[in-house]
Amino acid sequence: MNQTVHSAAKKQAAKSAGRPRAAKASVRTNDPERTMADIIDVATREFSEKGLAGARIDDIAEAMRTSKRMIYYYFGSKEGLYIAVLEEAYRRIRAIESDLHLDDLAPEDALRRLVGFTVDYQLANPDFIRLVMTENIHRGEYIAQSKAIQKLNVPAIEGLRRVYERGVEAGVFRSGVDAIDLHMSISALSFFNTANRHTFSLIFKRDLDTPAALIARRDSIIEMVVRFVRK
């Protein structure tokens, strides 16, 4: 168990939860890239909380202290802004994944780090979970329009494939496991851990948000994945 990574994720989650929703962002008209990043940041909260149908450009513009016209100037439409939000959400997680230095670790250690990171990231970024859930409600209609998102996920699969193949060559992982299927299993366990914890807690009368429960569940997910591929 990497308790340091877990603690960092919890701190990030607390920090995110403590952000004032009504905070106003300053528009930097002389810095288009920064302005677009600020709009995406505000829009991420709007879309994750209300979905595509419920989100309002008026509310995003008000939070930005700008006009709808400027938002449309940068993103073209509400749907264009939503796609940009999705792209940035996937870009963030893939950028951090690329900094895990998995190739520098022994195969099993690398897999443990990747799974632990995925669990921690999903927990610390519930906005990402809700965005993915929203896009699944739309049957992937908008991700299908983004070549950027599809390209972003290629390195993630290739990185996992390298870890797995090194493990097979070293005789520690069994053969015959598909990298995309393994990625799906890791994502599924990590995703459910965050997306369903409220309903699961209520139905089974178990507090899943205590530090002990979070650590135990994290360890359990890592062990399930490792034992699945171990020879």
C-alpha atoms as a PDB file:
ATOM      1  CA  MET A   1       0.000   0.000   0.000  1.00  0.00           C
ATOM      2  CA  ASN A   2       1.311   3.429  -0.917  1.00  0.00           C
ATOM      3  CA  GLN A   3      -0.119   5.404   1.970  1.00  0.00           C
ATOM      4  CA  THR A   4       1.721   8.557   0.882  1.00  0.00           C
ATOM      5  CA  VAL A   5      -0.058   8.589  -2.476  1.00  0.00           C
ATOM      6  CA  HIS A   6      -3.361   7.868  -0.760  1.00  0.00           C
ATOM      7  CA  SER A   7      -2.867  10.707   1.726  1.00  0.00           C
ATOM      8  CA  ALA A   8      -1.998  13.099  -1.077  1.00  0.00           C
ATOM      9  CA  ALA A   9      -5.162  12.107  -2.908  1.00  0.00           C
ATOM     10  CA  LYS A  10      -7.277  12.698   0.195  1.00  0.00           C
ATOM     11  CA  LYS A  11      -5.721  16.130   0.698  1.00  0.00           C
ATOM     12  CA  GLN A  12      -6.471  16.974  -2.910  1.00  0.00           C
ATOM     13  CA  ALA A  13     -10.048  15.789  -2.490  1.00  0.00           C
ATOM     14  CA  ALA A  14     -10.481  17.926   0.629  1.00  0.00           C
ATOM     15  CA  LYS A  15      -8.958  20.901  -1.124  1.00  0.00           C
ATOM     16  CA  SER A  16     -11.288  20.480  -4.092  1.00  0.00           C
ATOM     17  CA  ALA A  17     -14.307  20.052  -1.822  1.00  0.00           C
ATOM     18  CA  GLY A  18     -13.414  23.222   0.033  1.00  0.00           C
ATOM     19  CA  ARG A  19     -13.357  25.458  -3.014  1.00  0.00           C
ATOM     20  CA  PRO A  20     -16.060  28.160  -2.864  1.00  0.00           C
ATOM     21  CA  ARG A  21     -18.470  27.457  -5.674  1.00  0.00           C
ATOM     22  CA  ALA A  22     -19.487  31.076  -5.997  1.00  0.00           C
ATOM     23  CA  ALA A  23     -15.938  32.366  -6.450  1.00  0.00           C
ATOM     24  CA  LYS A  24     -15.544  34.690  -9.404  1.00  0.00           C
ATOM     25  CA  ALA A  25     -12.828  34.137 -11.965  1.00  0.00           C
ATOM     26  CA  SER A  26     -10.989  37.047 -13.523  1.00  0.00           C
ATOM     27  CA  VAL A  27     -11.049  37.175 -17.312  1.00  0.00           C
ATOM     28  CA  ARG A  28      -7.672  37.868 -18.876  1.00  0.00           C
ATOM     29  CA  THR A  29      -8.515  39.298 -22.280  1.00  0.00           C
ATOM     30  CA  ASN A  30      -4.809  39.762 -23.047  1.00  0.00           C
ATOM     31  CA  ASP A  31      -4.076  36.091 -22.366  1.00  0.00           C
ATOM     32  CA  PRO A  32      -6.416  33.951 -24.486  1.00  0.00           C
ATOM     33  CA  GLU A  33      -4.939  30.613 -23.364  1.00  0.00           C
ATOM     34  CA  ARG A  34      -5.332  31.504 -19.697  1.00  0.00           C
ATOM     35  CA  THR A  35      -8.840  32.809 -20.323  1.00  0.00           C
ATOM     36  CA  MET A  36      -9.831  29.579 -22.049  1.00  0.00           C
ATOM     37  CA  ALA A  37      -8.322  27.540 -19.191  1.00  0.00           C
ATOM     38  CA  ASP A  38     -10.315  29.567 -16.640  1.00  0.00           C
ATOM     39  CA  ILE A  39     -13.530  29.093 -18.613  1.00  0.00           C
ATOM     40  CA  ILE A  40     -12.903  25.335 -18.820  1.00  0.00           C
ATOM     41  CA  ASP A  41     -12.263  25.198 -15.065  1.00  0.00           C
ATOM     42  CA  VAL A  42     -15.580  26.894 -14.267  1.00  0.00           C
ATOM     43  CA  ALA A  43     -17.417  24.914 -16.963  1.00  0.00           C
ATOM     44  CA  THR A  44     -16.055  21.646 -15.547  1.00  0.00           C
ATOM     45  CA  ARG A  45     -17.908  22.279 -12.291  1.00  0.00           C
ATOM     46  CA  GLU A  46     -21.056  23.362 -14.139  1.00  0.00           C
ATOM     47  CA  PHE A  47     -21.176  20.331 -16.438  1.00  0.00           C
ATOM     48  CA  SER A  48     -20.170  17.831 -13.752  1.00  0.00           C
ATOM     49  CA  GLU A  49     -22.863  19.061 -11.365  1.00  0.00           C
ATOM     50  CA  LYS A  50     -25.705  19.605 -13.841  1.00  0.00           C
ATOM     51  CA  GLY A  51     -24.860  17.517 -16.890  1.00  0.00           C
ATOM     52  CA  LEU A  52     -24.860  18.794 -20.447  1.00  0.00           C
ATOM     53  CA  ALA A  53     -28.608  19.456 -20.562  1.00  0.00           C
ATOM     54  CA  GLY A  54     -28.775  21.247 -17.209  1.00  0.00           C
ATOM     55  CA  ALA A  55     -25.622  23.344 -17.512  1.00  0.00           C
ATOM     56  CA  ARG A  56     -26.143  26.971 -18.457  1.00  0.00           C
ATOM     57  CA  ILE A  57     -23.712  29.202 -20.318  1.00  0.00           C
ATOM     58  CA  ASP A  58     -25.254  32.148 -18.453  1.00  0.00           C
ATOM     59  CA  ASP A  59     -24.074  30.718 -15.124  1.00  0.00           C
ATOM     60  CA  ILE A  60     -20.593  30.053 -16.486  1.00  0.00           C
ATOM     61  CA  ALA A  61     -20.382  33.586 -17.866  1.00  0.00           C
ATOM     62  CA  GLU A  62     -21.548  35.047 -14.550  1.00  0.00           C
ATOM     63  CA  ALA A  63     -18.938  33.080 -12.612  1.00  0.00           C
ATOM     64  CA  MET A  64     -16.305  34.266 -15.079  1.00  0.00           C
ATOM     65  CA  ARG A  65     -17.488  37.903 -14.964  1.00  0.00           C
ATOM     66  CA  THR A  66     -17.627  37.815 -18.714  1.00  0.00           C
ATOM     67  CA  SER A  67     -20.213  37.574 -21.472  1.00  0.00           C
ATOM     68  CA  LYS A  68     -21.695  34.586 -23.223  1.00  0.00           C
ATOM     69  CA  ARG A  69     -20.383  36.129 -26.412  1.00  0.00           C
ATOM     70  CA  MET A  70     -16.780  35.646 -25.280  1.00  0.00           C
ATOM     71  CA  ILE A  71     -17.404  32.009 -24.366  1.00  0.00           C
ATOM     72  CA  TYR A  72     -18.970  31.374 -27.756  1.00  0.00           C
ATOM     73  CA  TYR A  73     -16.046  33.209 -29.385  1.00  0.00           C
ATOM     74  CA  TYR A  74     -13.579  30.721 -27.891  1.00  0.00           C
ATOM     75  CA  PHE A  75     -15.621  27.514 -28.011  1.00  0.00           C
ATOM     76  CA  GLY A  76     -18.287  28.059 -30.658  1.00  0.00           C
ATOM     77  CA  SER A  77     -21.206  26.568 -28.745  1.00  0.00           C
ATOM     78  CA  LYS A  78     -22.267  24.986 -25.492  1.00  0.00           C
ATOM     79  CA  GLU A  79     -21.477  21.587 -26.969  1.00  0.00           C
ATOM     80  CA  GLY A  80     -18.063  22.830 -28.102  1.00  0.00           C
ATOM     81  CA  LEU A  81     -17.285  23.948 -24.565  1.00  0.00           C
ATOM     82  CA  TYR A  82     -18.473  20.612 -23.193  1.00  0.00           C
ATOM     83  CA  ILE A  83     -16.128  18.737 -25.545  1.00  0.00           C
ATOM     84  CA  ALA A  84     -13.258  21.014 -24.479  1.00  0.00           C
ATOM     85  CA  VAL A  85     -14.045  20.187 -20.840  1.00  0.00           C
ATOM     86  CA  LEU A  86     -13.982  16.462 -21.598  1.00  0.00           C
ATOM     87  CA  GLU A  87     -10.678  16.813 -23.435  1.00  0.00           C
ATOM     88  CA  GLU A  88      -9.074  18.664 -20.545  1.00  0.00           C
ATOM     89  CA  ALA A  89     -10.388  16.112 -18.028  1.00  0.00           C
ATOM     90  CA  TYR A  90      -8.774  13.244 -19.938  1.00  0.00           C
ATOM     91  CA  ARG A  91      -5.630  15.263 -20.617  1.00  0.00           C
ATOM     92  CA  ARG A  92      -5.077  15.817 -16.889  1.00  0.00           C
ATOM     93  CA  ILE A  93      -5.299  12.191 -15.846  1.00  0.00           C
ATOM     94  CA  ARG A  94      -3.162  10.982 -18.744  1.00  0.00           C
ATOM     95  CA  ALA A  95      -0.512  13.652 -18.071  1.00  0.00           C
ATOM     96  CA  ILE A  96      -0.151  12.510 -14.460  1.00  0.00           C
ATOM     97  CA  GLU A  97      -0.068   8.855 -15.538  1.00  0.00           C
ATOM     98  CA  SER A  98       2.868   9.634 -17.806  1.00  0.00           C
ATOM     99  CA  ASP A  99       4.815  10.920 -14.779  1.00  0.00           C
ATOM    100  CA  LEU A 100       4.483   7.687 -12.781  1.00  0.00           C
ATOM    101  CA  HIS A 101       7.744   6.333 -14.309  1.00  0.00           C
ATOM    102  CA  LEU A 102       6.328   2.828 -14.544  1.00  0.00           C
ATOM    103  CA  ASP A 103       9.150   1.672 -16.800  1.00  0.00           C
ATOM    104  CA  ASP A 104      11.604   2.280 -13.954  1.00  0.00           C
ATOM    105  CA  LEU A 105       9.867  -0.204 -11.645  1.00  0.00           C
ATOM    106  CA  ALA A 106       9.672  -3.971 -11.487  1.00  0.00           C
ATOM    107  CA  PRO A 107       6.496  -5.169 -13.285  1.00  0.00           C
ATOM    108  CA  GLU A 108       4.429  -5.970 -10.183  1.00  0.00           C
ATOM    109  CA  ASP A 109       5.516  -2.775  -8.431  1.00  0.00           C
ATOM    110  CA  ALA A 110       4.634  -0.777 -11.556  1.00  0.00           C
ATOM    111  CA  LEU A 111       1.189  -2.366 -11.743  1.00  0.00           C
ATOM    112  CA  ARG A 112       0.584  -1.668  -8.060  1.00  0.00           C
ATOM    113  CA  ARG A 113       1.569   1.969  -8.535  1.00  0.00           C
ATOM    114  CA  LEU A 114      -0.696   2.381 -11.553  1.00  0.00           C
ATOM    115  CA  VAL A 115      -3.716   0.807  -9.860  1.00  0.00           C
ATOM    116  CA  GLY A 116      -3.150   2.774  -6.654  1.00  0.00           C
ATOM    117  CA  PHE A 117      -2.848   5.999  -8.638  1.00  0.00           C
ATOM    118  CA  THR A 118      -6.079   5.276 -10.518  1.00  0.00           C
ATOM    119  CA  VAL A 119      -7.989   4.627  -7.293  1.00  0.00           C
ATOM    120  CA  ASP A 120      -6.585   7.781  -5.693  1.00  0.00           C
ATOM    121  CA  TYR A 121      -7.221   9.971  -8.731  1.00  0.00           C
ATOM    122  CA  GLN A 122     -10.846   8.904  -9.099  1.00  0.00           C
ATOM    123  CA  LEU A 123     -11.437   9.540  -5.391  1.00  0.00           C
ATOM    124  CA  ALA A 124      -9.806  12.983  -5.490  1.00  0.00           C
ATOM    125  CA  ASN A 125     -11.561  14.040  -8.702  1.00  0.00           C
ATOM    126  CA  PRO A 126     -15.295  13.321  -8.468  1.00  0.00           C
ATOM    127  CA  ASP A 127     -15.893  15.911 -11.218  1.00  0.00           C
ATOM    128  CA  PHE A 128     -14.129  13.548 -13.633  1.00  0.00           C
ATOM    129  CA  ILE A 129     -16.386  10.684 -12.561  1.00  0.00           C
ATOM    130  CA  ARG A 130     -19.534  12.733 -13.100  1.00  0.00           C
ATOM    131  CA  LEU A 131     -18.347  13.949 -16.509  1.00  0.00           C
ATOM    132  CA  VAL A 132     -17.730  10.376 -17.644  1.00  0.00           C
ATOM    133  CA  MET A 133     -21.148   9.347 -16.345  1.00  0.00           C
ATOM    134  CA  THR A 134     -22.760  12.245 -18.227  1.00  0.00           C
ATOM    135  CA  GLU A 135     -20.989  11.287 -21.447  1.00  0.00           C
ATOM    136  CA  ASN A 136     -22.168   7.689 -21.061  1.00  0.00           C
ATOM    137  CA  ILE A 137     -25.737   8.969 -20.737  1.00  0.00           C
ATOM    138  CA  HIS A 138     -25.123  10.541 -24.153  1.00  0.00           C
ATOM    139  CA  ARG A 139     -23.732   7.195 -25.383  1.00  0.00           C
ATOM    140  CA  GLY A 140     -20.304   8.696 -26.075  1.00  0.00           C
ATOM    141  CA  GLU A 141     -21.713  11.077 -28.679  1.00  0.00           C
ATOM    142  CA  TYR A 142     -19.333  13.925 -27.869  1.00  0.00           C
ATOM    143  CA  ILE A 143     -16.196  11.910 -27.159  1.00  0.00           C
ATOM    144  CA  ALA A 144     -16.706  10.429 -30.622  1.00  0.00           C
ATOM    145  CA  GLN A 145     -16.282  13.943 -32.012  1.00  0.00           C
ATOM    146  CA  SER A 146     -12.931  14.446 -30.283  1.00  0.00           C
ATOM    147  CA  LYS A 147      -9.828  13.039 -31.957  1.00  0.00           C
ATOM    148  CA  ALA A 148      -7.794  14.476 -29.072  1.00  0.00           C
ATOM    149  CA  ILE A 149      -9.402  12.216 -26.460  1.00  0.00           C
ATOM    150  CA  GLN A 150      -8.918   9.131 -28.585  1.00  0.00           C
ATOM    151  CA  LYS A 151      -5.224   9.978 -29.069  1.00  0.00           C
ATOM    152  CA  LEU A 152      -4.772  10.731 -25.360  1.00  0.00           C
ATOM    153  CA  ASN A 153      -5.780   7.209 -24.390  1.00  0.00           C
ATOM    154  CA  VAL A 154      -3.323   5.441 -26.695  1.00  0.00           C
ATOM    155  CA  PRO A 155      -0.248   6.095 -24.459  1.00  0.00           C
ATOM    156  CA  ALA A 156      -2.197   4.900 -21.401  1.00  0.00           C
ATOM    157  CA  ILE A 157      -2.881   1.531 -22.994  1.00  0.00           C
ATOM    158  CA  GLU A 158       0.648   1.249 -24.356  1.00  0.00           C
ATOM    159  CA  GLY A 159       2.131   2.011 -20.940  1.00  0.00           C
ATOM    160  CA  LEU A 160       0.020  -0.667 -19.288  1.00  0.00           C
ATOM    161  CA  ARG A 161       0.857  -3.107 -22.078  1.00  0.00           C
ATOM    162  CA  ARG A 162       4.590  -2.572 -21.513  1.00  0.00           C
ATOM    163  CA  VAL A 163       4.206  -3.245 -17.799  1.00  0.00           C
ATOM    164  CA  TYR A 164       2.220  -6.400 -18.458  1.00  0.00           C
ATOM    165  CA  GLU A 165       4.554  -7.720 -21.168  1.00  0.00           C
ATOM    166  CA  ARG A 166       7.599  -7.133 -18.961  1.00  0.00           C
ATOM    167  CA  GLY A 167       5.836  -9.127 -16.269  1.00  0.00           C
ATOM    168  CA  VAL A 168       5.162 -11.993 -18.664  1.00  0.00           C
ATOM    169  CA  GLU A 169       8.789 -11.988 -19.815  1.00  0.00           C
ATOM    170  CA  ALA A 170       9.965 -11.987 -16.194  1.00  0.00           C
ATOM    171  CA  GLY A 171       7.720 -14.946 -15.420  1.00  0.00           C
ATOM    172  CA  VAL A 172       5.635 -13.112 -12.809  1.00  0.00           C
ATOM    173  CA  PHE A 173       2.492 -12.486 -14.911  1.00  0.00           C
ATOM    174  CA  ARG A 174       0.500 -15.127 -16.771  1.00  0.00           C
ATOM    175  CA  SER A 175       0.088 -14.831 -20.516  1.00  0.00           C
ATOM    176  CA  GLY A 176      -3.138 -14.232 -22.422  1.00  0.00           C
ATOM    177  CA  VAL A 177      -4.357 -11.023 -20.759  1.00  0.00           C
ATOM    178  CA  ASP A 178      -5.478  -8.258 -23.102  1.00  0.00           C
ATOM    179  CA  ALA A 179      -4.168  -4.805 -22.139  1.00  0.00           C
ATOM    180  CA  ILE A 180      -7.427  -3.007 -22.935  1.00  0.00           C
ATOM    181  CA  ASP A 181      -9.406  -5.565 -20.921  1.00  0.00           C
ATOM    182  CA  LEU A 182      -6.995  -5.098 -18.009  1.00  0.00           C
ATOM    183  CA  HIS A 183      -7.348  -1.316 -18.291  1.00  0.00           C
ATOM    184  CA  MET A 184     -11.131  -1.692 -18.238  1.00  0.00           C
ATOM    185  CA  SER A 185     -10.991  -3.794 -15.071  1.00  0.00           C
ATOM    186  CA  ILE A 186      -8.755  -1.272 -13.297  1.00  0.00           C
ATOM    187  CA  SER A 187     -11.003   1.591 -14.361  1.00  0.00           C
ATOM    188  CA  ALA A 188     -14.173  -0.262 -13.385  1.00  0.00           C
ATOM    189  CA  LEU A 189     -13.010  -1.009  -9.854  1.00  0.00           C
ATOM    190  CA  SER A 190     -11.685   2.510  -9.305  1.00  0.00           C
ATOM    191  CA  PHE A 191     -14.711   4.166 -10.892  1.00  0.00           C
ATOM    192  CA  PHE A 192     -17.294   2.217  -8.881  1.00  0.00           C
ATOM    193  CA  ASN A 193     -15.357   2.958  -5.720  1.00  0.00           C
ATOM    194  CA  THR A 194     -16.171   6.665  -6.138  1.00  0.00           C
ATOM    195  CA  ALA A 195     -19.314   6.751  -8.281  1.00  0.00           C
ATOM    196  CA  ASN A 196     -21.363   4.367  -6.136  1.00  0.00           C
ATOM    197  CA  ARG A 197     -20.012   4.849  -2.642  1.00  0.00           C
ATOM    198  CA  HIS A 198     -22.935   6.999  -1.452  1.00  0.00           C
ATOM    199  CA  THR A 199     -25.656   4.553  -2.480  1.00  0.00           C
ATOM    200  CA  PHE A 200     -23.545   1.567  -1.439  1.00  0.00           C
ATOM    201  CA  SER A 201     -22.948   3.093   1.996  1.00  0.00           C
ATOM    202  CA  LEU A 202     -26.644   3.740   2.552  1.00  0.00           C
ATOM    203  CA  ILE A 203     -27.824   0.354   1.320  1.00  0.00           C
ATOM    204  CA  PHE A 204     -25.317  -1.692   3.307  1.00  0.00           C
ATOM    205  CA  LYS A 205     -25.048   0.660   6.313  1.00  0.00           C
ATOM    206  CA  ARG A 206     -21.285   0.966   6.020  1.00  0.00           C
ATOM    207  CA  ASP A 207     -19.243   4.175   6.204  1.00  0.00           C
ATOM    208  CA  LEU A 208     -16.890   3.999   3.237  1.00  0.00           C
ATOM    209  CA  ASP A 209     -15.405   7.469   3.769  1.00  0.00           C
ATOM    210  CA  THR A 210     -13.388   6.787   6.901  1.00  0.00           C
ATOM    211  CA  PRO A 211      -9.585   6.727   6.433  1.00  0.00           C
ATOM    212  CA  ALA A 212      -9.478   3.066   7.417  1.00  0.00           C
ATOM    213  CA  ALA A 213     -12.223   2.124   4.947  1.00  0.00           C
ATOM    214  CA  LEU A 214     -10.594   4.078   2.120  1.00  0.00           C
ATOM    215  CA  ILE A 215      -7.203   2.467   2.711  1.00  0.00           C
ATOM    216  CA  ALA A 216      -8.679  -1.027   3.020  1.00  0.00           C
ATOM    217  CA  ARG A 217     -10.656  -0.660  -0.202  1.00  0.00           C
ATOM    218  CA  ARG A 218      -7.643   0.758  -2.050  1.00  0.00           C
ATOM    219  CA  ASP A 219      -5.500  -2.190  -0.941  1.00  0.00           C
ATOM    220  CA  SER A 220      -8.235  -4.642  -1.911  1.00  0.00           C
ATOM    221  CA  ILE A 221      -8.509  -3.240  -5.440  1.00  0.00           C
ATOM    222  CA  ILE A 222      -4.742  -3.387  -5.937  1.00  0.00           C
ATOM    223  CA  GLU A 223      -4.631  -6.999  -4.722  1.00  0.00           C
ATOM    224  CA  MET A 224      -7.512  -8.071  -6.965  1.00  0.00           C
ATOM    225  CA  VAL A 225      -5.807  -6.692 -10.071  1.00  0.00           C
ATOM    226  CA  VAL A 226      -2.356  -8.059  -9.195  1.00  0.00           C
ATOM    227  CA  ARG A 227      -3.691 -11.532  -8.384  1.00  0.00           C
ATOM    228  CA  PHE A 228      -5.672 -11.521 -11.623  1.00  0.00           C
ATOM    229  CA  VAL A 229      -2.494 -11.206 -13.704  1.00  0.00           C
ATOM    230  CA  ARG A 230      -0.034 -12.967 -11.404  1.00  0.00           C
ATOM    231  CA  LYS A 231       1.262 -16.312 -12.686  1.00  0.00           C
END
